[in-house]
Amino acid sequence: MKARFKFMRGLGRFARRDRGTQLVELAIVLPIFVLMFAAVAEFGRFFYTYTTLAKATRTGARYLMSQPVGKMDDNAKRLVLCGNPTVCADKDVIISGLTMDQVKIDRSGGVAGVLPDAVKVRIEGFYYEPIFDLGKLTGNSSLSLKIELAPSTMMQSLPTTPII
């Protein structure tokens, strides 16, 4: 009976000791927090990249609506690429990896040499490069988070004749 009592007393002491439990809890929770932080940071970068490209296409379309047809295409592409219609160097690009070849301009309506009825500025072939790419980390390309971004903006001119 005394042996059983000693065993129960030792078991009770063991149950009351909580040395190291914080370390175990940290080992369980830390990977989850790191994964959540990485996901939030990656989503923020993705959203920033997309909205920056969308604003750039909007600026290019607005610029082209005030210019003669076909005269200022390169200036508009530089404006989309660097935010400046006249000077654009590699170090000035608003989003790294974006090139002038990826900026496309489409016009519709209007008369040649005159203001168009509508202008569409779009970005084609630009891929978002994530920092935490699951495809690279796991070696499985099907899990890759490399996504094509293709924002576009279409602006139409206001009608010049009164509508009755």
Protein backbone atom coordinates (compact mmCIF):
# COMPACT_ATOMS: atom_id res chain seq x y z
CA MET A 1 0.00 0.00 0.00
CA LYS A 2 2.89 2.33 0.79
CA ALA A 3 4.39 1.71 -2.65
CA ARG A 4 1.13 2.69 -4.31
CA PHE A 5 0.93 5.85 -2.19
CA LYS A 6 4.50 6.82 -3.16
CA PHE A 7 3.71 6.23 -6.82
CA MET A 8 0.58 8.41 -6.66
CA ARG A 9 2.45 11.17 -4.84
CA GLY A 10 5.20 11.10 -7.47
CA LEU A 11 2.59 11.15 -10.23
CA GLY A 12 0.93 14.17 -8.62
CA ARG A 13 4.23 16.03 -8.47
CA PHE A 14 4.85 15.21 -12.12
CA ALA A 15 1.42 16.53 -13.09
CA ARG A 16 2.00 19.80 -11.22
CA ARG A 17 5.31 20.52 -12.92
CA ASP A 18 4.88 22.76 -15.92
CA ARG A 19 8.49 23.46 -16.79
CA GLY A 20 8.89 23.44 -20.57
CA THR A 21 5.22 23.68 -21.47
CA GLN A 22 5.69 27.17 -22.90
CA LEU A 23 8.39 25.81 -25.20
CA VAL A 24 6.07 23.07 -26.42
CA GLU A 25 3.27 25.58 -27.00
CA LEU A 26 5.66 27.83 -28.91
CA ALA A 27 6.79 24.91 -31.07
CA ILE A 28 3.16 24.22 -31.98
CA VAL A 29 2.01 27.82 -32.54
CA LEU A 30 5.10 29.45 -34.14
CA PRO A 31 4.89 27.68 -37.53
CA ILE A 32 1.23 28.64 -37.80
CA PHE A 33 2.01 32.30 -37.05
CA VAL A 34 4.91 32.35 -39.54
CA LEU A 35 2.68 30.85 -42.23
CA MET A 36 -0.08 33.38 -41.54
CA PHE A 37 2.40 36.27 -41.60
CA ALA A 38 3.85 35.08 -44.93
CA ALA A 39 0.37 34.73 -46.44
CA VAL A 40 -0.66 38.24 -45.35
CA ALA A 41 2.59 39.76 -46.64
CA GLU A 42 2.27 37.94 -49.98
CA PHE A 43 -1.34 38.99 -50.43
CA GLY A 44 -0.37 42.59 -49.64
CA ARG A 45 2.40 42.54 -52.25
CA PHE A 46 0.05 41.01 -54.83
CA PHE A 47 -2.64 43.62 -54.17
CA TYR A 48 -0.09 46.45 -54.31
CA THR A 49 1.32 45.18 -57.63
CA TYR A 50 -2.11 44.81 -59.23
CA THR A 51 -3.41 48.20 -58.11
CA THR A 52 -0.20 49.94 -59.20
CA LEU A 53 -0.49 48.40 -62.67
CA ALA A 54 -4.20 49.26 -62.88
CA LYS A 55 -3.49 52.89 -61.92
CA ALA A 56 -0.71 53.03 -64.51
CA THR A 57 -3.05 51.83 -67.29
CA ARG A 58 -5.64 54.38 -66.17
CA THR A 59 -3.04 57.16 -66.38
CA GLY A 60 -1.94 56.02 -69.84
CA ALA A 61 -5.52 55.89 -71.14
CA ARG A 62 -6.29 59.33 -69.73
CA TYR A 63 -3.15 60.72 -71.38
CA LEU A 64 -4.00 59.18 -74.76
CA MET A 65 -7.54 60.58 -74.73
CA SER A 66 -6.05 64.07 -74.88
CA GLN A 67 -3.52 63.34 -77.65
CA PRO A 68 -3.88 62.95 -81.44
CA VAL A 69 -4.27 59.38 -82.72
CA GLY A 70 -0.97 57.51 -83.12
CA LYS A 71 1.28 60.45 -82.22
CA MET A 72 2.05 59.74 -78.59
CA ASP A 73 1.98 55.94 -78.21
CA ASP A 74 5.58 55.69 -77.00
CA ASN A 75 5.06 58.55 -74.57
CA ALA A 76 1.97 56.82 -73.18
CA LYS A 77 3.90 53.54 -72.81
CA ARG A 78 6.68 55.36 -70.94
CA LEU A 79 4.05 57.01 -68.75
CA VAL A 80 2.59 53.59 -67.88
CA LEU A 81 6.04 52.08 -67.36
CA CYS A 82 7.80 54.83 -65.38
CA GLY A 83 5.26 57.55 -64.61
CA ASN A 84 7.06 60.00 -66.92
CA PRO A 85 6.13 60.40 -70.61
CA THR A 86 9.53 61.65 -71.76
CA VAL A 87 12.29 59.88 -69.81
CA CYS A 88 12.20 56.25 -68.72
CA ALA A 89 15.25 54.33 -67.50
CA ASP A 90 15.39 50.80 -66.09
CA LYS A 91 15.81 52.14 -62.56
CA ASP A 92 12.62 54.23 -62.87
CA VAL A 93 10.20 51.38 -63.69
CA ILE A 94 7.26 51.38 -61.26
CA ILE A 95 7.09 47.55 -61.04
CA SER A 96 10.21 45.50 -61.66
CA GLY A 97 9.89 43.12 -64.60
CA LEU A 98 7.50 45.34 -66.57
CA THR A 99 8.65 46.27 -70.11
CA MET A 100 7.33 48.54 -72.86
CA ASP A 101 6.50 45.48 -74.98
CA GLN A 102 3.97 44.38 -72.35
CA VAL A 103 2.00 47.64 -72.58
CA LYS A 104 -0.60 47.43 -75.39
CA ILE A 105 -2.71 50.27 -76.78
CA ASP A 106 -5.96 49.77 -78.71
CA ARG A 107 -8.10 52.52 -80.21
CA SER A 108 -11.59 52.42 -81.58
CA GLY A 109 -13.60 54.94 -83.54
CA GLY A 110 -12.59 58.46 -84.34
CA VAL A 111 -11.01 59.80 -87.50
CA ALA A 112 -7.34 59.26 -88.38
CA GLY A 113 -5.20 62.02 -86.90
CA VAL A 114 -8.03 63.18 -84.66
CA LEU A 115 -8.99 62.23 -81.13
CA PRO A 116 -10.28 58.64 -80.86
CA ASP A 117 -13.72 57.66 -79.57
CA ALA A 118 -12.21 55.14 -77.14
CA VAL A 119 -8.77 54.06 -75.96
CA LYS A 120 -7.89 50.83 -74.19
CA VAL A 121 -4.54 50.46 -72.43
CA ARG A 122 -3.72 46.96 -71.18
CA ILE A 123 -0.80 45.00 -69.84
CA GLU A 124 -0.13 41.54 -71.28
CA GLY A 125 2.38 38.89 -70.32
CA PHE A 126 3.31 40.26 -66.89
CA TYR A 127 3.64 37.61 -64.18
CA TYR A 128 3.59 38.33 -60.46
CA GLU A 129 6.68 36.82 -58.78
CA PRO A 130 5.91 35.86 -55.17
CA ILE A 131 8.56 35.89 -52.45
CA PHE A 132 7.12 32.82 -50.73
CA ASP A 133 6.43 30.61 -53.76
CA LEU A 134 5.05 27.24 -52.68
CA GLY A 135 6.08 25.72 -56.00
CA LYS A 136 9.74 26.57 -55.45
CA LEU A 137 9.69 25.67 -51.76
CA THR A 138 8.16 22.25 -52.32
CA GLY A 139 9.67 21.51 -55.73
CA ASN A 140 6.18 21.03 -57.18
CA SER A 141 5.49 23.49 -60.01
CA SER A 142 1.73 22.89 -59.84
CA LEU A 143 1.69 24.67 -56.44
CA SER A 144 3.37 27.77 -57.86
CA LEU A 145 1.84 31.13 -57.00
CA LYS A 146 3.21 32.78 -60.15
CA ILE A 147 0.10 34.48 -61.56
CA GLU A 148 -0.38 36.52 -64.72
CA LEU A 149 -1.65 40.03 -64.06
CA ALA A 150 -3.49 41.68 -66.94
CA PRO A 151 -5.12 44.93 -65.82
CA SER A 152 -6.68 47.12 -68.48
CA THR A 153 -8.46 50.44 -68.68
CA MET A 154 -10.83 51.65 -71.38
CA MET A 155 -11.75 55.31 -71.63
CA GLN A 156 -14.34 56.79 -73.95
CA SER A 157 -14.56 60.37 -75.06
CA LEU A 158 -17.57 62.44 -74.20
CA PRO A 159 -20.06 62.94 -77.01
CA THR A 160 -19.48 66.26 -78.79
CA THR A 161 -22.95 66.57 -80.27
CA PRO A 162 -25.90 67.34 -78.03
CA ILE A 163 -28.32 64.51 -77.48
CA ILE A 164 -31.91 65.60 -77.97
